[in-house]
């Protein structure tokens, strides 16, 4: 006997293998709800119940547990189950934004008493029952006041830093006085530099000639010492140190008493160059004596400056451009190198705020491709503050002459470490071009540019500059404290251009050791003047 149930469970069939019995089929009445429907219902409930459980838990955490009736729970869960959420918080935020927009355009009442701290603001709110609009107005007034105070403090800091950078530290002044006194009392301090038998080397092009123009004895000592100590061929080095009349005795004393043999050092004052006469440098004479120019560089640096319309960064640049060093003849001497050294073919000109960390003899092998000036360009590099300089950063392109002759996007280059091919230079009109633009700027009352000696040089050397690898000359160590130390270590020459010179108290402490490592602290003069103590 066999029993067979249909898949729909609606019929039952009984059959027998015995041929005497026939099969029998029984129909079953259909159920009120089909099993398939029941199965689908259970499946849907199994899918929905976890979500209902999670939603119930969230609502409970938000305070549903405080409800005392099913009706309360329904009022809370109902809108959520239907996808509707209470937007009272969003409406509150929108209203607050609206109030802030209204307050931002209102005038702040005169005499409004402002709290001095956030804690006092909260206390005033509680005591005076501020509404949202009053709170927003007071908050805005407080923020604007703090911004003004911070801005004024920043400008005051920049002014103080400018005066500190323009002053002479007590130790350096002491060193100059002590060495000058030594020159008058010690015959050895007055000995000829170099010795008579080495004089022919001063014009021998087989040597590597460096030119340094400065009135800072301490800085000059570091430049020369670092060059000699970093050189693989110190016996090939010749330094031509040029200084002014008041510093000459002290500068001569230092190098006479502190030999850097086998290198050779010559010390000369500007008054010892026969070529430097008023007839040959009339523009510079005018720059130094012109009343308006002297007032610009030595006068009130705040007068005429609208601090409300400038940024601290622009103000710092303007202050730097008004450094008195920019009207010093020493700072303009580099434009007269072919005339000052008529027998030399190639020199490397150095600023006094640099340190040499690598042998510079390969500079004499660099092919300048017929150009006069080998320099590092300053319009590209990792440092966006220092290496982003183009002509627009130095010139006033609203002036018609500047707009006509210069391209604001042209890349600038740096002074500080320059290879000058003097033989090629003598075939150009660079000096005449330099003078003519200085005259034009002087005539325009300094409306073409403000910053010292580089702008006229950027014009005069136009078309005569050969870019050299940036690793030869790293700039910006006197501008910012976040200079990359690893890049400093790799650079051949590091340049403390900017206000924070390493011999000043405002110098950056973590960058100062690269400079002080070349100071001889055992020297009697340095110890007695308490240099950098």
Protein backbone atom coordinates (compact mmCIF):
# COMPACT_ATOMS: atom_id res chain seq x y z
CA UNK A 1 0.00 0.00 0.00
CA UNK A 2 1.31 3.52 -0.90
CA UNK A 3 0.23 6.93 0.48
CA UNK A 4 0.75 10.05 -1.73
CA UNK A 5 0.06 13.67 -0.61
CA UNK A 6 -0.14 16.35 -3.29
CA UNK A 7 2.32 19.40 -3.05
CA UNK A 8 -0.61 21.71 -2.43
CA UNK A 9 -1.80 19.39 0.39
CA UNK A 10 -5.30 19.43 -1.09
CA UNK A 11 -5.62 15.68 -2.02
CA UNK A 12 -4.63 12.32 -0.52
CA UNK A 13 -4.23 9.16 -2.74
CA UNK A 14 -4.05 5.59 -1.34
CA UNK A 15 -2.97 2.80 -3.71
CA UNK A 16 -2.13 -0.87 -3.23
CA UNK A 17 0.16 -3.23 -5.02
CA UNK A 18 -2.50 -5.87 -4.66
CA UNK A 19 -4.35 -6.04 -7.94
CA UNK A 20 -7.60 -6.79 -6.10
CA UNK A 21 -7.79 -3.30 -4.65
CA UNK A 22 -8.08 -0.11 -6.67
CA UNK A 23 -6.47 3.13 -5.68
CA UNK A 24 -8.53 5.56 -3.63
CA UNK A 25 -8.21 9.42 -3.87
CA UNK A 26 -9.43 11.69 -1.07
CA UNK A 27 -9.75 15.50 -1.45
CA UNK A 28 -9.05 17.68 1.56
CA UNK A 29 -10.90 20.92 2.13
CA UNK A 30 -8.64 24.02 1.49
CA UNK A 31 -7.39 25.84 4.60
CA UNK A 32 -8.57 29.36 5.38
CA UNK A 33 -4.93 30.64 5.02
CA UNK A 34 -2.52 28.92 2.68
CA UNK A 35 0.74 27.67 4.04
CA UNK A 36 2.61 29.61 1.38
CA UNK A 37 1.02 32.85 2.57
CA UNK A 38 1.84 31.95 6.14
CA UNK A 39 5.44 31.27 5.19
CA UNK A 40 5.81 34.63 3.42
CA UNK A 41 4.25 36.43 6.38
CA UNK A 42 6.68 34.87 8.82
CA UNK A 43 9.58 35.75 6.51
CA UNK A 44 8.58 39.44 6.33
CA UNK A 45 8.13 39.69 10.08
CA UNK A 46 11.53 38.11 10.64
CA UNK A 47 13.05 40.81 8.43
CA UNK A 48 11.24 43.75 10.06
CA UNK A 49 11.39 42.85 13.72
CA UNK A 50 15.16 43.57 14.21
CA UNK A 51 14.68 47.07 12.82
CA UNK A 52 11.73 47.69 15.05
CA UNK A 53 13.77 46.48 18.01
CA UNK A 54 16.70 48.82 17.19
CA UNK A 55 14.41 51.82 16.67
CA UNK A 56 12.65 51.09 19.95
CA UNK A 57 16.01 50.94 21.73
CA UNK A 58 17.08 54.31 20.26
CA UNK A 59 13.85 55.96 21.24
CA UNK A 60 14.16 54.51 24.71
CA UNK A 61 17.65 56.02 25.05
CA UNK A 62 16.24 59.38 24.00
CA UNK A 63 13.72 59.36 26.80
CA UNK A 64 10.89 57.07 25.82
CA UNK A 65 11.47 55.24 29.07
CA UNK A 66 9.87 58.25 30.78
CA UNK A 67 6.58 57.53 29.04
CA UNK A 68 4.01 55.93 31.31
CA UNK A 69 1.59 54.72 28.67
CA UNK A 70 1.38 52.93 25.37
CA UNK A 71 -0.16 56.10 23.93
CA UNK A 72 2.98 58.09 24.81
CA UNK A 73 5.19 55.50 23.16
CA UNK A 74 2.97 55.54 20.09
CA UNK A 75 3.21 59.32 19.76
CA UNK A 76 6.99 59.00 19.86
CA UNK A 77 7.39 56.00 17.62
CA UNK A 78 4.63 56.85 15.17
CA UNK A 79 6.33 59.74 13.33
CA UNK A 80 9.61 57.86 13.22
CA UNK A 81 8.01 54.76 11.76
CA UNK A 82 6.39 56.97 9.16
CA UNK A 83 9.68 58.71 8.32
CA UNK A 84 8.82 62.00 9.99
CA UNK A 85 11.32 63.58 12.46
CA UNK A 86 10.92 66.53 14.80
CA UNK A 87 12.75 69.45 13.11
CA UNK A 88 12.65 71.85 16.05
CA UNK A 89 16.45 71.71 16.45
CA UNK A 90 17.02 72.46 12.76
CA UNK A 91 14.54 75.29 12.94
CA UNK A 92 16.41 76.72 15.93
CA UNK A 93 19.70 76.62 14.02
CA UNK A 94 18.11 78.30 10.99
CA UNK A 95 16.72 81.06 13.21
CA UNK A 96 20.13 81.59 14.81
CA UNK A 97 21.80 81.87 11.40
CA UNK A 98 19.20 84.43 10.42
CA UNK A 99 19.96 86.48 13.53
CA UNK A 100 23.72 86.30 12.87
CA UNK A 101 23.19 87.59 9.32
CA UNK A 102 21.11 90.48 10.60
CA UNK A 103 23.66 91.41 13.27
CA UNK A 104 26.58 91.29 10.82
CA UNK A 105 25.17 94.28 8.92
CA UNK A 106 24.21 96.36 11.95
CA UNK A 107 26.25 99.16 13.43
CA UNK A 108 27.70 98.40 16.83
CA UNK A 109 26.35 101.00 19.28
CA UNK A 110 28.85 103.49 20.67
CA UNK A 111 29.68 102.92 24.29
CA UNK A 112 28.67 99.28 24.23
CA UNK A 113 30.23 97.72 27.30
CA UNK A 114 32.07 94.56 26.31
CA UNK A 115 33.08 91.70 28.60
CA UNK A 116 36.79 90.93 28.78
CA UNK A 117 36.45 87.16 28.65
CA UNK A 118 34.09 84.39 27.59
CA UNK A 119 33.34 83.60 31.24
CA UNK A 120 32.27 87.19 31.82
CA UNK A 121 30.13 87.04 28.67
CA UNK A 122 28.26 84.00 30.02
CA UNK A 123 27.81 85.73 33.37
CA UNK A 124 26.41 88.86 31.70
CA UNK A 125 24.01 86.73 29.68
CA UNK A 126 22.61 85.14 32.83
CA UNK A 127 22.38 88.37 34.79
CA UNK A 128 20.97 90.55 31.99
CA UNK A 129 18.85 87.88 30.30
CA UNK A 130 20.24 88.51 26.83
CA UNK A 131 18.10 87.47 23.91
CA UNK A 132 19.76 85.81 20.92
CA UNK A 133 20.15 89.06 19.00
CA UNK A 134 21.80 90.91 21.87
CA UNK A 135 24.11 87.97 22.50
CA UNK A 136 25.14 87.87 18.83
CA UNK A 137 25.81 91.62 18.75
CA UNK A 138 27.98 91.53 21.88
CA UNK A 139 29.83 88.47 20.60
CA UNK A 140 30.54 90.18 17.27
CA UNK A 141 31.80 93.32 19.02
CA UNK A 142 34.09 91.22 21.25
CA UNK A 143 35.61 89.32 18.29
CA UNK A 144 36.21 92.52 16.29
CA UNK A 145 37.89 94.15 19.30
CA UNK A 146 40.17 91.14 19.82
CA UNK A 147 41.05 91.16 16.09
CA UNK A 148 42.00 94.86 16.27
CA UNK A 149 44.12 94.27 19.38
CA UNK A 150 45.91 91.34 17.78
CA UNK A 151 46.54 93.33 14.58
CA UNK A 152 47.97 96.28 16.50
CA UNK A 153 50.18 93.94 18.52
CA UNK A 154 51.47 92.32 15.33
CA UNK A 155 52.35 95.68 13.77
CA UNK A 156 54.04 96.78 17.02
CA UNK A 157 56.04 93.52 17.00
CA UNK A 158 57.14 94.16 13.40
CA UNK A 159 58.23 97.69 14.25
CA UNK A 160 60.24 96.52 17.26
CA UNK A 161 61.83 93.80 15.15
CA UNK A 162 62.73 96.35 12.48
CA UNK A 163 64.47 98.59 15.02
CA UNK A 164 66.26 95.58 16.53
CA UNK A 165 67.48 94.51 13.08
CA UNK A 166 68.69 98.02 12.24
CA UNK A 167 70.61 98.50 15.47
CA UNK A 168 74.17 97.44 16.27
CA UNK A 169 74.44 94.93 19.13
CA UNK A 170 76.55 96.05 22.06
CA UNK A 171 78.99 93.17 21.61
CA UNK A 172 79.67 93.95 17.95
CA UNK A 173 80.10 97.66 18.72
CA UNK A 174 82.55 96.73 21.50
CA UNK A 175 84.49 94.48 19.11
CA UNK A 176 84.86 97.27 16.57
CA UNK A 177 86.05 99.76 19.20
CA UNK A 178 88.53 97.34 20.76
CA UNK A 179 90.03 96.38 17.41
CA UNK A 180 90.25 100.02 16.31
CA UNK A 181 92.13 100.83 19.50
CA UNK A 182 94.39 97.84 18.84
CA UNK A 183 95.17 99.18 15.36
CA UNK A 184 96.50 102.42 16.83
CA UNK A 185 98.56 100.77 19.58
CA UNK A 186 99.77 97.48 18.10
CA UNK A 187 102.13 97.49 15.13
CA UNK A 188 101.30 93.86 14.35
CA UNK A 189 97.64 94.86 13.90
CA UNK A 190 98.77 97.37 11.27
CA UNK A 191 100.91 94.97 9.25
CA UNK A 192 100.40 94.95 5.51
CA UNK A 193 97.72 92.62 4.16
CA UNK A 194 98.76 90.58 2.36
CA UNK A 195 102.52 90.53 2.85
CA UNK A 196 104.51 92.30 0.11
CA UNK A 197 105.68 89.07 -1.52
CA UNK A 198 102.05 87.92 -1.93
CA UNK A 199 100.75 91.13 -3.52
CA UNK A 200 100.90 89.77 -7.12
CA UNK A 201 98.35 87.10 -6.13
CA UNK A 202 95.69 89.82 -5.73
CA UNK A 203 95.44 90.11 -9.52
CA UNK A 204 96.34 86.53 -10.47
CA UNK A 205 93.40 84.86 -12.26
CA UNK A 206 94.75 81.41 -11.41
CA UNK A 207 93.35 81.95 -7.89
CA UNK A 208 89.75 81.95 -6.71
CA UNK A 209 88.81 85.52 -5.86
CA UNK A 210 85.98 86.34 -3.45
CA UNK A 211 84.71 89.87 -2.85
CA UNK A 212 83.00 90.81 0.42
CA UNK A 213 81.72 94.35 1.13
CA UNK A 214 80.73 94.90 4.78
CA UNK A 215 81.15 97.05 7.87
CA UNK A 216 80.42 94.10 10.20
CA UNK A 217 83.71 92.66 11.47
CA UNK A 218 82.14 89.67 13.19
CA UNK A 219 80.09 88.70 10.13
CA UNK A 220 83.15 89.09 7.87
CA UNK A 221 85.15 86.77 10.11
CA UNK A 222 82.51 84.05 9.79
CA UNK A 223 82.28 84.35 5.99
CA UNK A 224 86.04 84.07 5.54
CA UNK A 225 86.51 81.31 8.14
CA UNK A 226 83.68 79.20 6.73
CA UNK A 227 85.03 79.55 3.18
CA UNK A 228 88.54 78.51 4.19
CA UNK A 229 87.45 75.62 6.41
CA UNK A 230 85.05 74.26 3.77
CA UNK A 231 87.50 74.51 0.87
CA UNK A 232 89.45 71.60 -0.55
CA UNK A 233 91.99 74.10 -1.87
CA UNK A 234 92.30 76.87 0.75
CA UNK A 235 95.68 77.88 -0.69
CA UNK A 236 93.82 79.03 -3.85
CA UNK A 237 91.49 81.39 -1.98
CA UNK A 238 91.90 85.18 -2.12
CA UNK A 239 89.45 87.37 -0.19
CA UNK A 240 89.01 91.05 -1.08
CA UNK A 241 87.26 92.59 1.93
CA UNK A 242 85.92 96.10 1.31
CA UNK A 243 84.66 98.23 4.19
CA UNK A 244 83.95 101.87 5.01
CA UNK A 245 86.35 104.42 6.47
CA UNK A 246 85.17 104.17 10.09
CA UNK A 247 85.42 100.36 10.17
CA UNK A 248 88.67 99.99 8.22
CA UNK A 249 91.06 100.06 11.22
CA UNK A 250 89.08 97.46 13.16
CA UNK A 251 88.57 95.21 10.13
CA UNK A 252 92.27 95.37 9.25
CA UNK A 253 93.23 94.58 12.84
CA UNK A 254 91.04 91.48 12.93
CA UNK A 255 92.53 89.85 9.84
CA UNK A 256 96.07 90.98 10.69
CA UNK A 257 95.82 89.36 14.13
CA UNK A 258 93.79 86.29 13.04
CA UNK A 259 95.48 84.65 10.08
CA UNK A 260 93.52 82.36 7.78
CA UNK A 261 96.61 81.01 6.01
CA UNK A 262 97.12 79.50 3.52
CA UNK A 263 94.29 81.69 2.21
CA UNK A 264 95.01 85.35 1.47
CA UNK A 265 92.99 88.33 2.73
CA UNK A 266 93.12 91.90 1.49
CA UNK A 267 91.29 94.64 3.43
CA UNK A 268 90.52 97.95 1.71
CA UNK A 269 88.33 100.93 2.50
CA UNK A 270 86.11 102.56 -0.11
CA UNK A 271 88.21 105.75 0.21
CA UNK A 272 91.27 103.78 -0.94
CA UNK A 273 89.79 103.11 -4.39
CA UNK A 274 90.79 105.94 -6.69
CA UNK A 275 87.98 105.11 -9.09
CA UNK A 276 85.21 105.72 -6.52
CA UNK A 277 84.84 109.47 -7.02
CA UNK A 278 81.77 111.67 -7.12
CA UNK A 279 82.15 111.92 -10.87
CA UNK A 280 81.86 108.15 -11.30
CA UNK A 281 79.07 107.57 -8.79
CA UNK A 282 76.91 110.73 -8.99
CA UNK A 283 73.62 108.91 -8.53
CA UNK A 284 74.75 107.23 -5.32
CA UNK A 285 75.98 110.55 -4.01
CA UNK A 286 72.52 111.98 -4.69
CA UNK A 287 70.83 109.02 -2.99
CA UNK A 288 72.90 109.50 0.17
CA UNK A 289 72.38 113.28 0.38
CA UNK A 290 68.83 113.75 -0.96
CA UNK A 291 66.65 114.97 1.93
CA UNK A 292 63.55 113.07 0.84
CA UNK A 293 65.47 109.83 0.50
CA UNK A 294 67.16 110.17 3.87
CA UNK A 295 63.80 110.94 5.47
CA UNK A 296 62.32 107.85 3.81
CA UNK A 297 65.01 105.55 5.22
CA UNK A 298 65.66 107.28 8.55
CA UNK A 299 62.33 108.95 9.29
CA UNK A 300 59.07 107.81 10.86
CA UNK A 301 58.24 104.45 9.31
CA UNK A 302 54.61 104.61 10.44
CA UNK A 303 53.90 108.01 8.89
CA UNK A 304 51.81 107.69 5.75
CA UNK A 305 51.20 103.99 6.28
CA UNK A 306 47.52 103.04 6.37
CA UNK A 307 47.70 100.00 8.64
CA UNK A 308 43.99 99.26 8.21
CA UNK A 309 44.49 98.60 4.50
CA UNK A 310 47.65 96.51 4.62
CA UNK A 311 48.59 93.08 5.92
CA UNK A 312 51.37 92.33 8.42
CA UNK A 313 53.30 90.53 5.68
CA UNK A 314 53.18 93.55 3.34
CA UNK A 315 54.05 95.87 6.20
CA UNK A 316 57.07 93.72 7.08
CA UNK A 317 58.27 93.93 3.46
CA UNK A 318 57.88 97.72 3.49
CA UNK A 319 59.86 97.97 6.73
CA UNK A 320 62.64 95.84 5.31
CA UNK A 321 62.80 98.03 2.22
CA UNK A 322 63.36 101.03 4.49
CA UNK A 323 66.49 99.64 6.09
CA UNK A 324 69.21 102.34 6.11
CA UNK A 325 71.69 99.86 4.61
CA UNK A 326 70.03 100.32 1.22
CA UNK A 327 71.46 103.81 0.82
CA UNK A 328 74.94 102.74 1.91
CA UNK A 329 77.63 102.90 -0.75
CA UNK A 330 78.86 99.48 0.42
CA UNK A 331 75.57 97.96 -0.65
CA UNK A 332 75.92 99.37 -4.18
CA UNK A 333 79.58 98.48 -4.67
CA UNK A 334 78.85 95.23 -6.51
CA UNK A 335 77.73 97.20 -9.57
CA UNK A 336 81.30 98.62 -9.87
CA UNK A 337 83.27 95.36 -9.63
CA UNK A 338 84.71 95.51 -13.18
CA UNK A 339 86.18 98.95 -12.43
CA UNK A 340 87.33 98.14 -8.88
CA UNK A 341 89.18 95.00 -10.01
CA UNK A 342 90.31 95.77 -13.54
CA UNK A 343 92.80 92.86 -13.70
CA UNK A 344 90.42 90.10 -12.64
CA UNK A 345 88.32 88.00 -15.02
CA UNK A 346 85.94 86.24 -12.63
CA UNK A 347 84.95 86.75 -8.98
CA UNK A 348 82.37 85.40 -6.56
CA UNK A 349 80.60 88.17 -4.69
CA UNK A 350 79.34 87.30 -1.20
CA UNK A 351 77.02 89.05 1.24
CA UNK A 352 78.11 89.23 4.87
CA UNK A 353 75.12 87.27 6.21
CA UNK A 354 76.05 83.98 4.57
CA UNK A 355 77.86 80.84 5.70
CA UNK A 356 79.82 78.59 3.34
CA UNK A 357 79.40 74.88 4.07
CA UNK A 358 80.90 73.29 0.96
CA UNK A 359 83.87 73.73 -1.31
CA UNK A 360 83.08 76.54 -3.77
CA UNK A 361 85.98 75.97 -6.17
CA UNK A 362 83.64 74.23 -8.71
CA UNK A 363 81.91 77.58 -9.19
CA UNK A 364 84.82 78.68 -11.34
CA UNK A 365 84.15 75.76 -13.69
CA UNK A 366 80.47 76.60 -14.28
CA UNK A 367 79.81 77.63 -17.86
CA UNK A 368 77.86 80.91 -17.83
CA UNK A 369 77.20 80.63 -21.58
CA UNK A 370 78.39 84.15 -22.27
CA UNK A 371 76.30 85.65 -19.47
CA UNK A 372 77.66 88.00 -16.78
CA UNK A 373 75.88 86.91 -13.61
CA UNK A 374 75.54 83.33 -12.34
CA UNK A 375 72.75 83.37 -9.74
CA UNK A 376 70.06 81.21 -8.16
CA UNK A 377 66.53 81.95 -9.35
CA UNK A 378 63.94 82.66 -6.68
CA UNK A 379 60.66 81.90 -8.45
CA UNK A 380 60.60 78.14 -7.93
CA UNK A 381 61.34 75.83 -5.02
CA UNK A 382 59.85 74.08 -1.99
CA UNK A 383 59.80 77.20 0.19
CA UNK A 384 56.79 79.23 -0.99
CA UNK A 385 57.72 82.23 1.18
CA UNK A 386 61.29 82.66 -0.06
CA UNK A 387 61.29 80.94 -3.46
CA UNK A 388 58.22 82.55 -5.02
CA UNK A 389 59.66 85.88 -6.12
CA UNK A 390 58.90 87.34 -9.51
CA UNK A 391 59.32 90.89 -10.78
CA UNK A 392 55.83 91.75 -9.57
CA UNK A 393 57.13 91.31 -6.00
CA UNK A 394 59.68 94.11 -6.42
CA UNK A 395 58.19 96.67 -8.79
CA UNK A 396 55.16 98.92 -9.00
CA UNK A 397 53.58 97.84 -12.28
CA UNK A 398 51.06 100.67 -12.14
CA UNK A 399 53.93 102.95 -13.10
CA UNK A 400 53.93 103.35 -16.91
CA UNK A 401 57.71 102.94 -17.32
CA UNK A 402 57.75 99.73 -15.31
CA UNK A 403 54.69 98.34 -17.14
CA UNK A 404 56.28 99.17 -20.49
CA UNK A 405 59.71 97.60 -19.96
CA UNK A 406 59.17 94.68 -17.55
CA UNK A 407 57.15 91.47 -17.38
CA UNK A 408 55.56 90.96 -13.93
CA UNK A 409 55.79 87.16 -14.30
CA UNK A 410 59.49 87.11 -15.11
CA UNK A 411 61.53 85.10 -12.61
CA UNK A 412 63.69 87.02 -10.13
CA UNK A 413 67.14 85.96 -8.93
CA UNK A 414 69.07 86.43 -5.71
CA UNK A 415 71.97 88.51 -4.53
CA UNK A 416 74.18 87.01 -1.82
CA UNK A 417 76.30 84.52 -3.74
CA UNK A 418 76.90 85.49 -7.36
CA UNK A 419 79.47 84.44 -9.94
CA UNK A 420 80.45 87.49 -12.02
CA UNK A 421 82.28 87.19 -15.31
CA UNK A 422 84.01 90.58 -15.22
CA UNK A 423 85.56 90.22 -18.66
CA UNK A 424 82.16 89.81 -20.30
CA UNK A 425 80.66 92.46 -18.01
CA UNK A 426 83.07 95.11 -19.31
CA UNK A 427 81.57 94.71 -22.78
CA UNK A 428 78.06 95.64 -21.60
CA UNK A 429 76.24 98.78 -20.46
CA UNK A 430 75.04 97.25 -17.19
CA UNK A 431 76.42 100.03 -15.00
CA UNK A 432 74.91 102.77 -17.18
CA UNK A 433 71.54 101.04 -17.18
CA UNK A 434 71.70 100.72 -13.39
CA UNK A 435 72.44 104.44 -13.01
CA UNK A 436 69.71 105.53 -15.42
CA UNK A 437 67.00 103.56 -13.61
CA UNK A 438 68.20 104.80 -10.22
CA UNK A 439 67.86 108.36 -11.53
CA UNK A 440 64.37 107.63 -12.88
CA UNK A 441 63.21 106.15 -9.57
CA UNK A 442 64.71 109.04 -7.65
CA UNK A 443 62.93 111.50 -9.96
CA UNK A 444 59.63 109.66 -9.46
CA UNK A 445 60.02 109.93 -5.67
CA UNK A 446 60.60 106.20 -5.27
CA UNK A 447 57.31 105.23 -6.91
CA UNK A 448 58.85 102.58 -9.19
CA UNK A 449 60.22 100.38 -6.41
CA UNK A 450 61.04 100.57 -2.73
CA UNK A 451 63.43 97.74 -2.00
CA UNK A 452 67.10 98.73 -2.10
CA UNK A 453 69.65 97.51 -4.62
CA UNK A 454 68.08 94.38 -6.10
CA UNK A 455 65.33 96.02 -8.23
CA UNK A 456 67.68 98.19 -10.32
CA UNK A 457 69.99 95.18 -10.65
CA UNK A 458 67.09 93.04 -11.89
CA UNK A 459 66.65 95.59 -14.68
CA UNK A 460 70.36 96.23 -15.38
CA UNK A 461 71.26 92.51 -15.59
CA UNK A 462 68.22 91.65 -17.71
CA UNK A 463 69.41 89.18 -20.35
CA UNK A 464 72.78 88.75 -18.62
CA UNK A 465 71.85 86.16 -15.94
CA UNK A 466 72.65 82.46 -16.06
CA UNK A 467 70.64 80.37 -13.58
CA UNK A 468 72.69 77.99 -11.43
CA UNK A 469 71.52 75.05 -9.32
CA UNK A 470 69.63 76.13 -6.21
CA UNK A 471 71.73 73.84 -3.98
CA UNK A 472 74.56 76.36 -4.30
CA UNK A 473 72.64 79.08 -2.46
CA UNK A 474 69.83 78.57 0.07
CA UNK A 475 67.97 81.69 1.13
CA UNK A 476 65.50 82.67 3.83
CA UNK A 477 67.22 81.74 7.09
CA UNK A 478 66.57 85.25 8.40
CA UNK A 479 62.90 85.28 7.42
CA UNK A 480 61.20 82.29 8.99
CA UNK A 481 61.77 79.73 11.68
CA UNK A 482 60.30 76.74 9.82
CA UNK A 483 63.25 76.40 7.44
CA UNK A 484 63.92 72.77 6.52
CA UNK A 485 66.99 71.75 8.55
CA UNK A 486 67.93 68.89 6.21
CA UNK A 487 67.99 71.30 3.27
CA UNK A 488 70.15 73.68 5.32
CA UNK A 489 72.69 70.93 5.94
CA UNK A 490 72.89 70.08 2.23
CA UNK A 491 73.28 73.63 0.87
CA UNK A 492 76.68 74.91 -0.22
CA UNK A 493 75.90 78.45 0.95
CA UNK A 494 73.19 79.35 3.46
CA UNK A 495 71.94 82.91 3.50
CA UNK A 496 70.45 84.63 6.55
CA UNK A 497 68.72 87.24 4.42
CA UNK A 498 65.97 88.94 6.36
CA UNK A 499 65.83 90.67 9.71
CA UNK A 500 66.68 87.74 11.98
CA UNK A 501 70.45 87.78 11.57
CA UNK A 502 72.30 85.12 13.56
CA UNK A 503 74.34 87.74 15.47
CA UNK A 504 71.17 89.45 16.72
CA UNK A 505 69.04 88.41 19.68
CA UNK A 506 66.06 88.12 17.32
CA UNK A 507 67.87 85.45 15.30
CA UNK A 508 66.30 81.99 15.22
CA UNK A 509 67.93 79.86 17.89
CA UNK A 510 67.78 76.55 15.99
CA UNK A 511 69.42 78.14 12.91
CA UNK A 512 72.10 80.07 14.80
CA UNK A 513 74.50 77.09 15.33
CA UNK A 514 75.17 76.86 11.60
CA UNK A 515 76.70 80.33 11.92
CA UNK A 516 78.28 80.24 15.39
CA UNK A 517 80.26 77.06 14.61
CA UNK A 518 82.67 79.31 12.69
CA UNK A 519 83.11 81.79 15.54
CA UNK A 520 86.35 81.57 17.51
CA UNK A 521 85.07 81.89 21.08
CA UNK A 522 88.59 81.49 22.42
CA UNK A 523 89.60 84.81 20.83
CA UNK A 524 90.39 87.43 23.47
CA UNK A 525 88.42 90.17 21.75
CA UNK A 526 85.30 88.02 21.34
CA UNK A 527 85.47 86.88 24.96
CA UNK A 528 86.06 90.37 26.36
CA UNK A 529 83.11 91.78 24.37
CA UNK A 530 80.81 88.93 25.49
CA UNK A 531 79.68 88.13 21.96
CA UNK A 532 76.34 86.26 21.98
CA UNK A 533 76.48 85.52 25.68
